[in-house]
């Protein structure tokens, strides 16, 4: 049973270097045992259907993260009917891993609108958050959730890009052994990471 898991959701249509960079940074800088890569079936904040099918997006994720043995492609949302709400996955993972530290990994663009996510207060009680700092985008959480979000800022890795291991273009792959210099710090800007006693209310 993993003691610390990361959660990286998204449409992954297709997966790209930013996704891999975020996962690698979280894994290395936070000492995560695994990172769950969760393709959305129907993303709530995306207009229009994905170009690739759910099965193809899951396959592309496996290819993109093929060199990361700690990455687990989790298909729960593509098999769930209706909108892929993050809170539903967070509740399920809290039941599956009640003693684990659960960290939702996201980009700065997603953090900027995190206050618009469904049941965000409950979500913040079930998981901690880690945001990848890059391209000068602010990593300050929205004021509406600043008082209760537990957020750590990850340092963007120095990436090495190579062609994807698939026949048609789907994503560039970041070599995990060079993606992040050892010892790169993660910066806490709110409450520090703590292992949950159980599922926090």
C-alpha atoms as a PDB file:
ATOM      1  CA  UNK A   1       0.000   0.000   0.000  1.00  0.00           C
ATOM      2  CA  UNK A   2       1.594   3.310  -1.053  1.00  0.00           C
ATOM      3  CA  UNK A   3       2.232   5.851   1.688  1.00  0.00           C
ATOM      4  CA  UNK A   4       2.106   8.835  -0.662  1.00  0.00           C
ATOM      5  CA  UNK A   5       0.370   9.078  -4.022  1.00  0.00           C
ATOM      6  CA  UNK A   6       0.109  11.814  -6.610  1.00  0.00           C
ATOM      7  CA  UNK A   7      -2.980  12.393  -8.735  1.00  0.00           C
ATOM      8  CA  UNK A   8      -2.650  13.975 -12.164  1.00  0.00           C
ATOM      9  CA  UNK A   9      -5.899  14.390 -14.047  1.00  0.00           C
ATOM     10  CA  UNK A  10      -6.662  15.865 -17.433  1.00  0.00           C
ATOM     11  CA  UNK A  11      -8.094  15.182 -20.847  1.00  0.00           C
ATOM     12  CA  UNK A  12      -4.666  14.106 -22.177  1.00  0.00           C
ATOM     13  CA  UNK A  13      -5.721  14.812 -25.749  1.00  0.00           C
ATOM     14  CA  UNK A  14      -2.858  14.274 -26.231  1.00  0.00           C
ATOM     15  CA  UNK A  15      -0.508  13.972 -23.248  1.00  0.00           C
ATOM     16  CA  UNK A  16       2.429  16.360 -23.586  1.00  0.00           C
ATOM     17  CA  UNK A  17       5.727  17.273 -21.984  1.00  0.00           C
ATOM     18  CA  UNK A  18       4.050  19.531 -19.430  1.00  0.00           C
ATOM     19  CA  UNK A  19       2.085  16.584 -18.049  1.00  0.00           C
ATOM     20  CA  UNK A  20       5.209  14.449 -17.750  1.00  0.00           C
ATOM     21  CA  UNK A  21       7.193  17.323 -16.233  1.00  0.00           C
ATOM     22  CA  UNK A  22       4.553  17.859 -13.535  1.00  0.00           C
ATOM     23  CA  UNK A  23       4.418  14.171 -12.656  1.00  0.00           C
ATOM     24  CA  UNK A  24       8.206  13.806 -12.558  1.00  0.00           C
ATOM     25  CA  UNK A  25       8.622  16.923 -10.425  1.00  0.00           C
ATOM     26  CA  UNK A  26       5.986  15.738  -7.944  1.00  0.00           C
ATOM     27  CA  UNK A  27       7.433  12.242  -7.762  1.00  0.00           C
ATOM     28  CA  UNK A  28      10.998  13.433  -7.187  1.00  0.00           C
ATOM     29  CA  UNK A  29      10.449  16.491  -5.017  1.00  0.00           C
ATOM     30  CA  UNK A  30       7.683  15.103  -2.794  1.00  0.00           C
ATOM     31  CA  UNK A  31       8.932  11.523  -2.543  1.00  0.00           C
ATOM     32  CA  UNK A  32       5.720  10.006  -3.892  1.00  0.00           C
ATOM     33  CA  UNK A  33       5.437   6.242  -4.201  1.00  0.00           C
ATOM     34  CA  UNK A  34       3.266   6.488  -7.299  1.00  0.00           C
ATOM     35  CA  UNK A  35       1.478   9.034  -9.445  1.00  0.00           C
ATOM     36  CA  UNK A  36      -1.978   8.196 -10.756  1.00  0.00           C
ATOM     37  CA  UNK A  37      -2.524   9.452 -14.298  1.00  0.00           C
ATOM     38  CA  UNK A  38      -6.300   9.834 -14.665  1.00  0.00           C
ATOM     39  CA  UNK A  39      -7.673  10.661 -18.133  1.00  0.00           C
ATOM     40  CA  UNK A  40     -11.046  12.399 -17.916  1.00  0.00           C
ATOM     41  CA  UNK A  41     -14.019  10.905 -19.678  1.00  0.00           C
ATOM     42  CA  UNK A  42     -15.902  14.192 -19.948  1.00  0.00           C
ATOM     43  CA  UNK A  43     -13.950  17.116 -18.537  1.00  0.00           C
ATOM     44  CA  UNK A  44     -16.279  19.669 -16.885  1.00  0.00           C
ATOM     45  CA  UNK A  45     -14.375  22.788 -18.005  1.00  0.00           C
ATOM     46  CA  UNK A  46     -13.669  21.753 -21.564  1.00  0.00           C
ATOM     47  CA  UNK A  47     -15.979  22.671 -24.409  1.00  0.00           C
ATOM     48  CA  UNK A  48     -16.425  20.000 -27.029  1.00  0.00           C
ATOM     49  CA  UNK A  49     -15.505  16.351 -27.088  1.00  0.00           C
ATOM     50  CA  UNK A  50     -11.878  15.173 -27.152  1.00  0.00           C
ATOM     51  CA  UNK A  51     -10.414  14.437 -30.568  1.00  0.00           C
ATOM     52  CA  UNK A  52      -9.095  11.025 -29.534  1.00  0.00           C
ATOM     53  CA  UNK A  53     -11.263   8.311 -28.037  1.00  0.00           C
ATOM     54  CA  UNK A  54     -11.035   7.491 -24.350  1.00  0.00           C
ATOM     55  CA  UNK A  55      -9.244   4.226 -25.118  1.00  0.00           C
ATOM     56  CA  UNK A  56      -6.716   5.988 -27.351  1.00  0.00           C
ATOM     57  CA  UNK A  57      -6.056   8.672 -24.736  1.00  0.00           C
ATOM     58  CA  UNK A  58      -5.397   6.012 -22.103  1.00  0.00           C
ATOM     59  CA  UNK A  59      -3.025   4.262 -24.507  1.00  0.00           C
ATOM     60  CA  UNK A  60      -1.212   7.533 -25.255  1.00  0.00           C
ATOM     61  CA  UNK A  61      -0.794   8.095 -21.512  1.00  0.00           C
ATOM     62  CA  UNK A  62       0.812   4.677 -21.133  1.00  0.00           C
ATOM     63  CA  UNK A  63       3.191   5.498 -23.968  1.00  0.00           C
ATOM     64  CA  UNK A  64       4.004   8.972 -22.667  1.00  0.00           C
ATOM     65  CA  UNK A  65       4.768   7.637 -19.165  1.00  0.00           C
ATOM     66  CA  UNK A  66       6.353   4.371 -20.313  1.00  0.00           C
ATOM     67  CA  UNK A  67       9.731   5.315 -18.805  1.00  0.00           C
ATOM     68  CA  UNK A  68       8.202   6.176 -15.426  1.00  0.00           C
ATOM     69  CA  UNK A  69       7.619   2.897 -13.552  1.00  0.00           C
ATOM     70  CA  UNK A  70       5.937   4.772 -10.690  1.00  0.00           C
ATOM     71  CA  UNK A  71       3.228   6.171 -12.994  1.00  0.00           C
ATOM     72  CA  UNK A  72      -0.077   4.297 -12.993  1.00  0.00           C
ATOM     73  CA  UNK A  73      -2.659   5.022 -15.698  1.00  0.00           C
ATOM     74  CA  UNK A  74      -5.989   4.951 -13.866  1.00  0.00           C
ATOM     75  CA  UNK A  75      -9.031   4.596 -16.152  1.00  0.00           C
ATOM     76  CA  UNK A  76     -11.771   5.153 -13.559  1.00  0.00           C
ATOM     77  CA  UNK A  77     -13.035   8.403 -15.109  1.00  0.00           C
ATOM     78  CA  UNK A  78     -13.217   7.194 -18.692  1.00  0.00           C
ATOM     79  CA  UNK A  79     -15.373   4.283 -17.522  1.00  0.00           C
ATOM     80  CA  UNK A  80     -17.630   6.488 -15.386  1.00  0.00           C
ATOM     81  CA  UNK A  81     -20.764   7.866 -16.997  1.00  0.00           C
ATOM     82  CA  UNK A  82     -21.386  11.595 -17.102  1.00  0.00           C
ATOM     83  CA  UNK A  83     -19.099  14.462 -16.189  1.00  0.00           C
ATOM     84  CA  UNK A  84     -15.691  13.519 -14.770  1.00  0.00           C
ATOM     85  CA  UNK A  85     -15.805  15.463 -11.518  1.00  0.00           C
ATOM     86  CA  UNK A  86     -12.491  15.485  -9.650  1.00  0.00           C
ATOM     87  CA  UNK A  87     -14.282  15.329  -6.304  1.00  0.00           C
ATOM     88  CA  UNK A  88     -15.725  11.913  -7.170  1.00  0.00           C
ATOM     89  CA  UNK A  89     -12.275  10.506  -7.910  1.00  0.00           C
ATOM     90  CA  UNK A  90     -10.890  12.133  -4.760  1.00  0.00           C
ATOM     91  CA  UNK A  91     -13.587  10.478  -2.641  1.00  0.00           C
ATOM     92  CA  UNK A  92     -12.876   7.099  -4.210  1.00  0.00           C
ATOM     93  CA  UNK A  93      -9.130   7.410  -3.716  1.00  0.00           C
ATOM     94  CA  UNK A  94      -9.619   8.493  -0.103  1.00  0.00           C
ATOM     95  CA  UNK A  95     -11.529   5.265   0.520  1.00  0.00           C
ATOM     96  CA  UNK A  96      -8.966   3.163  -1.337  1.00  0.00           C
ATOM     97  CA  UNK A  97      -5.940   4.800   0.337  1.00  0.00           C
ATOM     98  CA  UNK A  98      -7.235   6.189   3.651  1.00  0.00           C
ATOM     99  CA  UNK A  99      -3.817   6.344   5.313  1.00  0.00           C
ATOM    100  CA  UNK A 100      -1.868   7.680   2.350  1.00  0.00           C
ATOM    101  CA  UNK A 101      -0.839  11.246   1.716  1.00  0.00           C
ATOM    102  CA  UNK A 102      -2.813  12.165  -1.418  1.00  0.00           C
ATOM    103  CA  UNK A 103      -1.482  15.007  -3.555  1.00  0.00           C
ATOM    104  CA  UNK A 104      -3.375  16.468  -6.520  1.00  0.00           C
ATOM    105  CA  UNK A 105      -0.832  17.703  -9.050  1.00  0.00           C
ATOM    106  CA  UNK A 106      -1.891  20.519 -11.353  1.00  0.00           C
ATOM    107  CA  UNK A 107      -0.596  23.323 -13.521  1.00  0.00           C
ATOM    108  CA  UNK A 108      -0.645  26.994 -12.609  1.00  0.00           C
ATOM    109  CA  UNK A 109      -3.434  27.618 -15.140  1.00  0.00           C
ATOM    110  CA  UNK A 110      -5.631  25.078 -13.360  1.00  0.00           C
ATOM    111  CA  UNK A 111      -4.754  26.523  -9.943  1.00  0.00           C
ATOM    112  CA  UNK A 112      -5.976  29.946 -11.070  1.00  0.00           C
ATOM    113  CA  UNK A 113      -9.495  28.575 -11.517  1.00  0.00           C
ATOM    114  CA  UNK A 114      -9.466  25.916  -8.802  1.00  0.00           C
ATOM    115  CA  UNK A 115     -12.096  27.859  -6.851  1.00  0.00           C
ATOM    116  CA  UNK A 116     -14.537  26.998  -9.650  1.00  0.00           C
ATOM    117  CA  UNK A 117     -14.121  23.231  -9.211  1.00  0.00           C
ATOM    118  CA  UNK A 118     -17.079  21.277  -7.879  1.00  0.00           C
ATOM    119  CA  UNK A 119     -17.164  20.930  -4.063  1.00  0.00           C
ATOM    120  CA  UNK A 120     -13.718  22.467  -3.825  1.00  0.00           C
ATOM    121  CA  UNK A 121     -13.783  22.840  -0.034  1.00  0.00           C
ATOM    122  CA  UNK A 122     -14.372  19.109   0.373  1.00  0.00           C
ATOM    123  CA  UNK A 123     -11.758  18.400  -2.278  1.00  0.00           C
ATOM    124  CA  UNK A 124      -9.212  20.425  -0.307  1.00  0.00           C
ATOM    125  CA  UNK A 125      -9.992  18.343   2.768  1.00  0.00           C
ATOM    126  CA  UNK A 126      -9.385  15.087   0.906  1.00  0.00           C
ATOM    127  CA  UNK A 127      -6.171  15.963  -0.930  1.00  0.00           C
ATOM    128  CA  UNK A 128      -3.246  18.313  -0.761  1.00  0.00           C
ATOM    129  CA  UNK A 129      -2.180  20.166  -3.903  1.00  0.00           C
ATOM    130  CA  UNK A 130       1.098  20.623  -5.727  1.00  0.00           C
ATOM    131  CA  UNK A 131       1.474  23.128  -8.556  1.00  0.00           C
ATOM    132  CA  UNK A 132       4.269  23.225 -11.100  1.00  0.00           C
ATOM    133  CA  UNK A 133       5.937  26.631 -11.292  1.00  0.00           C
ATOM    134  CA  UNK A 134       6.986  27.579 -14.807  1.00  0.00           C
ATOM    135  CA  UNK A 135       6.625  30.253 -17.513  1.00  0.00           C
ATOM    136  CA  UNK A 136       6.161  32.998 -14.921  1.00  0.00           C
ATOM    137  CA  UNK A 137       2.512  32.109 -14.237  1.00  0.00           C
ATOM    138  CA  UNK A 138       1.371  32.929 -10.701  1.00  0.00           C
ATOM    139  CA  UNK A 139       1.212  30.057  -8.229  1.00  0.00           C
ATOM    140  CA  UNK A 140      -0.846  31.990  -5.689  1.00  0.00           C
ATOM    141  CA  UNK A 141      -4.207  30.251  -5.058  1.00  0.00           C
ATOM    142  CA  UNK A 142      -7.478  32.123  -5.602  1.00  0.00           C
ATOM    143  CA  UNK A 143      -8.499  34.174  -2.531  1.00  0.00           C
ATOM    144  CA  UNK A 144     -11.683  32.140  -2.054  1.00  0.00           C
ATOM    145  CA  UNK A 145      -9.701  28.996  -1.193  1.00  0.00           C
ATOM    146  CA  UNK A 146      -6.466  30.490   0.172  1.00  0.00           C
ATOM    147  CA  UNK A 147      -7.494  29.922   3.801  1.00  0.00           C
ATOM    148  CA  UNK A 148      -7.896  26.158   3.546  1.00  0.00           C
ATOM    149  CA  UNK A 149      -5.886  24.850   0.572  1.00  0.00           C
ATOM    150  CA  UNK A 150      -2.685  22.970   1.398  1.00  0.00           C
ATOM    151  CA  UNK A 151      -0.404  23.859  -1.486  1.00  0.00           C
ATOM    152  CA  UNK A 152       3.215  23.183  -2.357  1.00  0.00           C
ATOM    153  CA  UNK A 153       4.985  24.790  -5.311  1.00  0.00           C
ATOM    154  CA  UNK A 154       7.113  22.408  -7.357  1.00  0.00           C
ATOM    155  CA  UNK A 155      10.194  23.633  -9.170  1.00  0.00           C
ATOM    156  CA  UNK A 156      10.029  23.115 -12.927  1.00  0.00           C
ATOM    157  CA  UNK A 157      12.482  20.413 -14.021  1.00  0.00           C
ATOM    158  CA  UNK A 158      15.191  20.872 -16.585  1.00  0.00           C
ATOM    159  CA  UNK A 159      13.719  18.737 -19.334  1.00  0.00           C
ATOM    160  CA  UNK A 160      15.236  16.549 -21.992  1.00  0.00           C
ATOM    161  CA  UNK A 161      12.785  15.919 -24.778  1.00  0.00           C
ATOM    162  CA  UNK A 162      12.842  12.839 -26.995  1.00  0.00           C
ATOM    163  CA  UNK A 163      10.398  11.542 -29.611  1.00  0.00           C
ATOM    164  CA  UNK A 164       7.392   9.588 -28.316  1.00  0.00           C
ATOM    165  CA  UNK A 165       7.579   5.785 -28.409  1.00  0.00           C
ATOM    166  CA  UNK A 166       4.578   5.454 -30.699  1.00  0.00           C
ATOM    167  CA  UNK A 167       3.947   5.323 -34.415  1.00  0.00           C
ATOM    168  CA  UNK A 168       1.988   8.562 -34.666  1.00  0.00           C
ATOM    169  CA  UNK A 169       2.691  11.799 -32.771  1.00  0.00           C
ATOM    170  CA  UNK A 170       1.079  11.795 -29.346  1.00  0.00           C
ATOM    171  CA  UNK A 171       3.483  13.419 -26.893  1.00  0.00           C
ATOM    172  CA  UNK A 172       7.122  14.106 -26.312  1.00  0.00           C
ATOM    173  CA  UNK A 173       8.637  12.152 -23.467  1.00  0.00           C
ATOM    174  CA  UNK A 174      10.738  13.617 -20.680  1.00  0.00           C
ATOM    175  CA  UNK A 175      13.458  11.264 -19.607  1.00  0.00           C
ATOM    176  CA  UNK A 176      12.772  10.671 -15.894  1.00  0.00           C
ATOM    177  CA  UNK A 177      16.449  10.229 -15.074  1.00  0.00           C
ATOM    178  CA  UNK A 178      17.256  13.758 -16.328  1.00  0.00           C
ATOM    179  CA  UNK A 179      13.941  15.487 -15.851  1.00  0.00           C
ATOM    180  CA  UNK A 180      14.681  16.967 -12.463  1.00  0.00           C
ATOM    181  CA  UNK A 181      17.994  17.641 -10.780  1.00  0.00           C
ATOM    182  CA  UNK A 182      18.303  15.690  -7.562  1.00  0.00           C
ATOM    183  CA  UNK A 183      17.573  17.761  -4.539  1.00  0.00           C
ATOM    184  CA  UNK A 184      15.424  20.337  -6.318  1.00  0.00           C
ATOM    185  CA  UNK A 185      13.298  21.821  -3.567  1.00  0.00           C
ATOM    186  CA  UNK A 186       9.561  22.062  -3.376  1.00  0.00           C
ATOM    187  CA  UNK A 187       8.318  25.228  -1.733  1.00  0.00           C
ATOM    188  CA  UNK A 188       5.346  25.234   0.615  1.00  0.00           C
ATOM    189  CA  UNK A 189       3.359  28.449   0.469  1.00  0.00           C
ATOM    190  CA  UNK A 190       0.623  27.428   2.855  1.00  0.00           C
ATOM    191  CA  UNK A 191       0.263  24.625   5.358  1.00  0.00           C
ATOM    192  CA  UNK A 192       3.101  22.077   5.042  1.00  0.00           C
ATOM    193  CA  UNK A 193       2.507  18.570   3.746  1.00  0.00           C
ATOM    194  CA  UNK A 194       1.240  16.289   6.465  1.00  0.00           C
ATOM    195  CA  UNK A 195       0.195  12.690   6.291  1.00  0.00           C
ATOM    196  CA  UNK A 196      -3.566  12.597   6.934  1.00  0.00           C
ATOM    197  CA  UNK A 197      -4.713  10.779  10.057  1.00  0.00           C
ATOM    198  CA  UNK A 198      -7.595   9.524   7.981  1.00  0.00           C
ATOM    199  CA  UNK A 199      -9.940  11.185   5.539  1.00  0.00           C
ATOM    200  CA  UNK A 200     -10.271  14.742   6.792  1.00  0.00           C
ATOM    201  CA  UNK A 201     -13.862  16.020   6.968  1.00  0.00           C
END
